[in-house]
Amino acid sequence: MINYLSIFIFICLTVFIALAIIILPQFLANKKPQKSKLSPYECGFEPTQDNAGQFNISFYLIAISFIVFDLEIIFLVPWALNLKNLSLTGFLSGLFFIFVLTVGFIYEWKKQVLDSK
């Protein structure tokens, strides 16, 4: 029974803190809108254009590729550090993971996704 009590207290405390984080700013925030806060730039300069400009789609593709290969490293580092302790199944699973990511990289290279235009 005592284990359930500690879990219940933890859940109640978590819900209380989450609600406090959501509700307290509503009461503590400054409600008066200021002209400078409503402008798109707070640096003092008047904007020369209405929009900030458009980025080329290749920048987004490179960013997504970076995130994918960054996550690959997150999974490969523990695998490489425990390579001596892995069974054959663990070793082959890691090699399959590397193979799939290598195929994806070759596909990106052939489609010239990584070329900044």
N, C-alpha and C. Protein backbone atom coordinates (compact mmCIF):
# COMPACT_ATOMS: atom_id res chain seq x y z
N MET A 1 0.82 -1.19 0.00
CA MET A 1 0.00 0.00 0.00
C MET A 1 0.86 1.25 0.00
N ILE A 2 2.01 1.19 0.67
CA ILE A 2 2.86 2.38 0.78
C ILE A 2 3.46 2.73 -0.58
N ASN A 3 3.73 1.73 -1.43
CA ASN A 3 4.26 2.02 -2.75
C ASN A 3 3.26 2.78 -3.61
N TYR A 4 1.99 2.40 -3.48
CA TYR A 4 0.96 3.11 -4.23
C TYR A 4 0.77 4.53 -3.72
N LEU A 5 0.95 4.73 -2.43
CA LEU A 5 0.81 6.06 -1.85
C LEU A 5 1.88 7.00 -2.40
N SER A 6 3.10 6.53 -2.51
CA SER A 6 4.17 7.38 -3.03
C SER A 6 3.94 7.70 -4.51
N ILE A 7 3.43 6.73 -5.26
CA ILE A 7 3.12 6.98 -6.68
C ILE A 7 1.98 7.99 -6.80
N PHE A 8 0.96 7.85 -5.95
CA PHE A 8 -0.16 8.79 -5.97
C PHE A 8 0.29 10.20 -5.62
N ILE A 9 1.15 10.33 -4.61
CA ILE A 9 1.67 11.66 -4.24
C ILE A 9 2.49 12.24 -5.38
N PHE A 10 3.29 11.42 -6.03
CA PHE A 10 4.09 11.89 -7.16
C PHE A 10 3.21 12.38 -8.30
N ILE A 11 2.15 11.64 -8.63
CA ILE A 11 1.24 12.05 -9.71
C ILE A 11 0.53 13.34 -9.34
N CYS A 12 0.05 13.44 -8.10
CA CYS A 12 -0.63 14.67 -7.66
C CYS A 12 0.31 15.87 -7.72
N LEU A 13 1.53 15.69 -7.27
CA LEU A 13 2.51 16.78 -7.31
C LEU A 13 2.82 17.19 -8.75
N THR A 14 2.95 16.22 -9.63
CA THR A 14 3.22 16.50 -11.04
C THR A 14 2.08 17.27 -11.68
N VAL A 15 0.85 16.85 -11.42
CA VAL A 15 -0.32 17.54 -11.97
C VAL A 15 -0.41 18.95 -11.41
N PHE A 16 -0.14 19.12 -10.12
CA PHE A 16 -0.18 20.44 -9.50
C PHE A 16 0.84 21.38 -10.12
N ILE A 17 2.06 20.91 -10.31
CA ILE A 17 3.11 21.75 -10.89
C ILE A 17 2.78 22.09 -12.34
N ALA A 18 2.27 21.12 -13.10
CA ALA A 18 1.91 21.38 -14.50
C ALA A 18 0.80 22.42 -14.58
N LEU A 19 -0.22 22.30 -13.74
CA LEU A 19 -1.30 23.28 -13.75
C LEU A 19 -0.82 24.65 -13.30
N ALA A 20 0.08 24.68 -12.32
CA ALA A 20 0.62 25.96 -11.86
C ALA A 20 1.41 26.65 -12.97
N ILE A 21 2.16 25.88 -13.73
CA ILE A 21 2.94 26.46 -14.83
C ILE A 21 2.01 27.01 -15.91
N ILE A 22 0.86 26.39 -16.10
CA ILE A 22 -0.08 26.86 -17.12
C ILE A 22 -0.92 28.03 -16.63
N ILE A 23 -1.38 27.98 -15.39
CA ILE A 23 -2.35 28.96 -14.89
C ILE A 23 -1.68 30.23 -14.35
N LEU A 24 -0.58 30.12 -13.63
CA LEU A 24 0.04 31.30 -13.01
C LEU A 24 0.42 32.40 -13.99
N PRO A 25 0.96 32.12 -15.16
CA PRO A 25 1.27 33.23 -16.08
C PRO A 25 0.04 34.02 -16.52
N GLN A 26 -1.13 33.40 -16.50
CA GLN A 26 -2.35 34.13 -16.86
C GLN A 26 -2.65 35.24 -15.86
N PHE A 27 -2.33 35.01 -14.60
CA PHE A 27 -2.59 36.01 -13.57
C PHE A 27 -1.44 37.00 -13.41
N LEU A 28 -0.22 36.56 -13.66
CA LEU A 28 0.95 37.39 -13.41
C LEU A 28 1.39 38.21 -14.62
N ALA A 29 0.89 37.89 -15.80
CA ALA A 29 1.34 38.56 -17.02
C ALA A 29 0.80 39.98 -17.09
N ASN A 30 1.55 40.84 -17.77
CA ASN A 30 1.13 42.22 -18.01
C ASN A 30 0.08 42.20 -19.12
N LYS A 31 -1.10 42.72 -18.82
CA LYS A 31 -2.21 42.65 -19.77
C LYS A 31 -2.24 43.83 -20.74
N LYS A 32 -1.48 44.88 -20.48
CA LYS A 32 -1.52 46.07 -21.32
C LYS A 32 -0.63 45.86 -22.55
N PRO A 33 -1.21 45.83 -23.74
CA PRO A 33 -0.36 45.69 -24.94
C PRO A 33 0.38 47.00 -25.22
N GLN A 34 1.62 46.89 -25.57
CA GLN A 34 2.43 48.06 -25.90
C GLN A 34 2.67 48.06 -27.41
N LYS A 35 2.78 49.26 -27.97
CA LYS A 35 2.98 49.37 -29.41
C LYS A 35 4.29 48.70 -29.83
N SER A 36 5.33 48.88 -29.03
CA SER A 36 6.62 48.29 -29.39
C SER A 36 6.58 46.76 -29.32
N LYS A 37 5.78 46.22 -28.44
CA LYS A 37 5.69 44.76 -28.34
C LYS A 37 4.87 44.15 -29.47
N LEU A 38 3.97 44.94 -30.06
CA LEU A 38 3.15 44.44 -31.15
C LEU A 38 3.82 44.55 -32.51
N SER A 39 4.91 45.31 -32.59
CA SER A 39 5.61 45.46 -33.86
C SER A 39 6.47 44.21 -34.11
N PRO A 40 6.74 43.88 -35.38
CA PRO A 40 7.52 42.68 -35.65
C PRO A 40 8.98 42.79 -35.24
N TYR A 41 9.50 44.01 -35.12
CA TYR A 41 10.89 44.20 -34.74
C TYR A 41 10.94 45.07 -33.49
N GLU A 42 11.74 44.68 -32.52
CA GLU A 42 11.90 45.46 -31.31
C GLU A 42 13.25 46.17 -31.28
N CYS A 43 13.97 46.18 -32.39
CA CYS A 43 15.31 46.75 -32.40
C CYS A 43 15.30 48.25 -32.66
N GLY A 44 14.16 48.83 -33.01
CA GLY A 44 14.09 50.26 -33.26
C GLY A 44 14.04 50.61 -34.73
N PHE A 45 14.40 49.67 -35.59
CA PHE A 45 14.37 49.93 -37.03
C PHE A 45 12.99 49.61 -37.58
N GLU A 46 12.57 50.37 -38.55
CA GLU A 46 11.32 50.07 -39.24
C GLU A 46 11.59 48.96 -40.26
N PRO A 47 10.71 48.00 -40.38
CA PRO A 47 10.95 46.92 -41.35
C PRO A 47 10.89 47.45 -42.78
N THR A 48 11.78 46.94 -43.62
CA THR A 48 11.81 47.37 -45.02
C THR A 48 10.90 46.52 -45.89
N GLN A 49 10.59 45.31 -45.43
CA GLN A 49 9.70 44.41 -46.17
C GLN A 49 8.65 43.88 -45.21
N ASP A 50 7.56 43.39 -45.80
CA ASP A 50 6.52 42.82 -44.96
C ASP A 50 6.88 41.43 -44.45
N ASN A 51 7.57 40.67 -45.27
CA ASN A 51 7.93 39.32 -44.84
C ASN A 51 9.44 39.22 -44.69
N ALA A 52 9.85 38.18 -44.04
CA ALA A 52 11.28 37.98 -43.80
C ALA A 52 11.98 37.33 -44.98
N GLY A 53 11.26 36.99 -46.01
CA GLY A 53 11.86 36.33 -47.17
C GLY A 53 11.65 34.83 -47.08
N GLN A 54 11.81 34.19 -48.19
CA GLN A 54 11.62 32.74 -48.23
C GLN A 54 12.97 32.05 -48.32
N PHE A 55 13.04 30.90 -47.67
CA PHE A 55 14.22 30.08 -47.75
C PHE A 55 14.05 29.07 -48.87
N ASN A 56 15.15 28.70 -49.45
CA ASN A 56 15.14 27.65 -50.45
C ASN A 56 14.81 26.32 -49.78
N ILE A 57 14.08 25.47 -50.46
CA ILE A 57 13.67 24.18 -49.89
C ILE A 57 14.87 23.30 -49.57
N SER A 58 15.99 23.51 -50.24
CA SER A 58 17.17 22.67 -49.98
C SER A 58 17.69 22.87 -48.56
N PHE A 59 17.49 24.06 -47.98
CA PHE A 59 17.92 24.27 -46.60
C PHE A 59 17.13 23.38 -45.65
N TYR A 60 15.83 23.23 -45.90
CA TYR A 60 15.01 22.37 -45.05
C TYR A 60 15.39 20.90 -45.22
N LEU A 61 15.69 20.50 -46.44
CA LEU A 61 16.08 19.11 -46.67
C LEU A 61 17.41 18.79 -45.99
N ILE A 62 18.33 19.73 -46.02
CA ILE A 62 19.61 19.54 -45.34
C ILE A 62 19.40 19.48 -43.84
N ALA A 63 18.51 20.33 -43.32
CA ALA A 63 18.24 20.32 -41.88
C ALA A 63 17.62 19.00 -41.44
N ILE A 64 16.68 18.48 -42.22
CA ILE A 64 16.06 17.20 -41.87
C ILE A 64 17.09 16.08 -41.95
N SER A 65 17.95 16.12 -42.96
CA SER A 65 19.00 15.11 -43.07
C SER A 65 19.94 15.18 -41.88
N PHE A 66 20.27 16.38 -41.44
CA PHE A 66 21.14 16.54 -40.28
C PHE A 66 20.49 15.92 -39.05
N ILE A 67 19.20 16.16 -38.85
CA ILE A 67 18.52 15.61 -37.68
C ILE A 67 18.51 14.09 -37.73
N VAL A 68 18.25 13.52 -38.90
CA VAL A 68 18.21 12.06 -39.03
C VAL A 68 19.58 11.47 -38.72
N PHE A 69 20.63 12.03 -39.27
CA PHE A 69 21.96 11.46 -39.04
C PHE A 69 22.49 11.79 -37.65
N ASP A 70 22.00 12.85 -37.05
CA ASP A 70 22.35 13.14 -35.66
C ASP A 70 21.71 12.11 -34.74
N LEU A 71 20.47 11.75 -35.01
CA LEU A 71 19.82 10.70 -34.22
C LEU A 71 20.49 9.35 -34.44
N GLU A 72 21.03 9.16 -35.63
CA GLU A 72 21.77 7.92 -35.90
C GLU A 72 22.95 7.80 -34.95
N ILE A 73 23.65 8.88 -34.75
CA ILE A 73 24.80 8.86 -33.84
C ILE A 73 24.37 8.56 -32.41
N ILE A 74 23.22 9.09 -32.01
CA ILE A 74 22.72 8.83 -30.66
C ILE A 74 22.51 7.33 -30.44
N PHE A 75 22.05 6.63 -31.46
CA PHE A 75 21.82 5.20 -31.33
C PHE A 75 23.10 4.39 -31.55
N LEU A 76 24.02 4.90 -32.34
CA LEU A 76 25.22 4.12 -32.64
C LEU A 76 26.29 4.18 -31.55
N VAL A 77 26.36 5.27 -30.82
CA VAL A 77 27.40 5.38 -29.79
C VAL A 77 27.24 4.31 -28.71
N PRO A 78 26.05 4.12 -28.11
CA PRO A 78 25.93 3.04 -27.12
C PRO A 78 26.17 1.65 -27.73
N TRP A 79 25.75 1.47 -28.97
CA TRP A 79 25.97 0.19 -29.64
C TRP A 79 27.47 -0.06 -29.78
N ALA A 80 28.21 0.96 -30.19
CA ALA A 80 29.65 0.80 -30.38
C ALA A 80 30.38 0.60 -29.05
N LEU A 81 29.92 1.27 -28.00
CA LEU A 81 30.57 1.11 -26.70
C LEU A 81 30.35 -0.27 -26.11
N ASN A 82 29.24 -0.91 -26.42
CA ASN A 82 28.93 -2.24 -25.90
C ASN A 82 29.16 -3.33 -26.93
N LEU A 83 29.97 -3.07 -27.91
CA LEU A 83 30.18 -4.02 -29.00
C LEU A 83 30.76 -5.34 -28.50
N LYS A 84 31.64 -5.29 -27.50
CA LYS A 84 32.26 -6.52 -26.99
C LYS A 84 31.24 -7.41 -26.28
N ASN A 85 30.24 -6.81 -25.67
CA ASN A 85 29.27 -7.57 -24.88
C ASN A 85 28.06 -8.02 -25.69
N LEU A 86 27.97 -7.64 -26.94
CA LEU A 86 26.79 -7.96 -27.75
C LEU A 86 26.85 -9.39 -28.27
N SER A 87 25.68 -9.96 -28.42
CA SER A 87 25.60 -11.27 -29.07
C SER A 87 25.64 -11.07 -30.58
N LEU A 88 25.57 -12.15 -31.30
CA LEU A 88 25.57 -12.06 -32.76
C LEU A 88 24.34 -11.32 -33.26
N THR A 89 23.20 -11.52 -32.61
CA THR A 89 21.97 -10.83 -33.01
C THR A 89 22.11 -9.32 -32.82
N GLY A 90 22.68 -8.90 -31.70
CA GLY A 90 22.88 -7.47 -31.46
C GLY A 90 23.85 -6.86 -32.46
N PHE A 91 24.89 -7.60 -32.78
CA PHE A 91 25.87 -7.12 -33.75
C PHE A 91 25.24 -6.98 -35.13
N LEU A 92 24.48 -8.00 -35.55
CA LEU A 92 23.85 -7.95 -36.87
C LEU A 92 22.75 -6.89 -36.93
N SER A 93 22.06 -6.67 -35.83
CA SER A 93 21.04 -5.61 -35.80
C SER A 93 21.69 -4.24 -36.01
N GLY A 94 22.83 -4.02 -35.37
CA GLY A 94 23.55 -2.76 -35.56
C GLY A 94 24.04 -2.60 -36.98
N LEU A 95 24.55 -3.68 -37.56
CA LEU A 95 25.00 -3.60 -38.95
C LEU A 95 23.84 -3.33 -39.90
N PHE A 96 22.67 -3.92 -39.63
CA PHE A 96 21.50 -3.66 -40.46
C PHE A 96 21.08 -2.20 -40.34
N PHE A 97 21.15 -1.65 -39.14
CA PHE A 97 20.83 -0.24 -38.92
C PHE A 97 21.77 0.66 -39.71
N ILE A 98 23.06 0.36 -39.66
CA ILE A 98 24.04 1.13 -40.43
C ILE A 98 23.78 0.98 -41.92
N PHE A 99 23.43 -0.21 -42.37
CA PHE A 99 23.15 -0.45 -43.79
C PHE A 99 21.96 0.38 -44.26
N VAL A 100 20.88 0.39 -43.49
CA VAL A 100 19.69 1.17 -43.88
C VAL A 100 20.02 2.65 -43.96
N LEU A 101 20.78 3.16 -43.01
CA LEU A 101 21.14 4.57 -43.04
C LEU A 101 22.10 4.89 -44.17
N THR A 102 22.97 3.95 -44.50
CA THR A 102 23.88 4.16 -45.63
C THR A 102 23.10 4.20 -46.94
N VAL A 103 22.11 3.33 -47.09
CA VAL A 103 21.27 3.36 -48.29
C VAL A 103 20.54 4.69 -48.38
N GLY A 104 20.03 5.19 -47.26
CA GLY A 104 19.36 6.49 -47.26
C GLY A 104 20.31 7.62 -47.64
N PHE A 105 21.54 7.55 -47.14
CA PHE A 105 22.53 8.58 -47.47
C PHE A 105 22.88 8.54 -48.96
N ILE A 106 23.05 7.34 -49.50
CA ILE A 106 23.36 7.22 -50.93
C ILE A 106 22.20 7.76 -51.77
N TYR A 107 20.97 7.48 -51.35
CA TYR A 107 19.80 8.00 -52.06
C TYR A 107 19.79 9.52 -52.04
N GLU A 108 20.07 10.12 -50.88
CA GLU A 108 20.14 11.58 -50.80
C GLU A 108 21.25 12.13 -51.69
N TRP A 109 22.36 11.44 -51.73
CA TRP A 109 23.49 11.89 -52.54
C TRP A 109 23.14 11.84 -54.02
N LYS A 110 22.51 10.74 -54.46
CA LYS A 110 22.13 10.60 -55.86
C LYS A 110 21.08 11.63 -56.27
N LYS A 111 20.16 11.96 -55.37
CA LYS A 111 19.12 12.96 -55.66
C LYS A 111 19.63 14.39 -55.48
N GLN A 112 20.88 14.54 -55.10
CA GLN A 112 21.55 15.83 -54.91
C GLN A 112 20.83 16.70 -53.87
N VAL A 113 20.34 16.05 -52.83
CA VAL A 113 19.69 16.78 -51.74
C VAL A 113 20.72 17.58 -50.95
N LEU A 114 21.93 17.06 -50.86
CA LEU A 114 22.95 17.68 -50.04
C LEU A 114 23.67 18.83 -50.73
N ASP A 115 23.39 19.06 -52.01
CA ASP A 115 24.01 20.18 -52.72
C ASP A 115 23.27 21.46 -52.38
N SER A 116 24.00 22.43 -51.86
CA SER A 116 23.35 23.72 -51.59
C SER A 116 23.38 24.53 -52.88
N LYS A 117 22.22 24.92 -53.32
CA LYS A 117 22.09 25.58 -54.62
C LYS A 117 22.09 27.07 -54.46
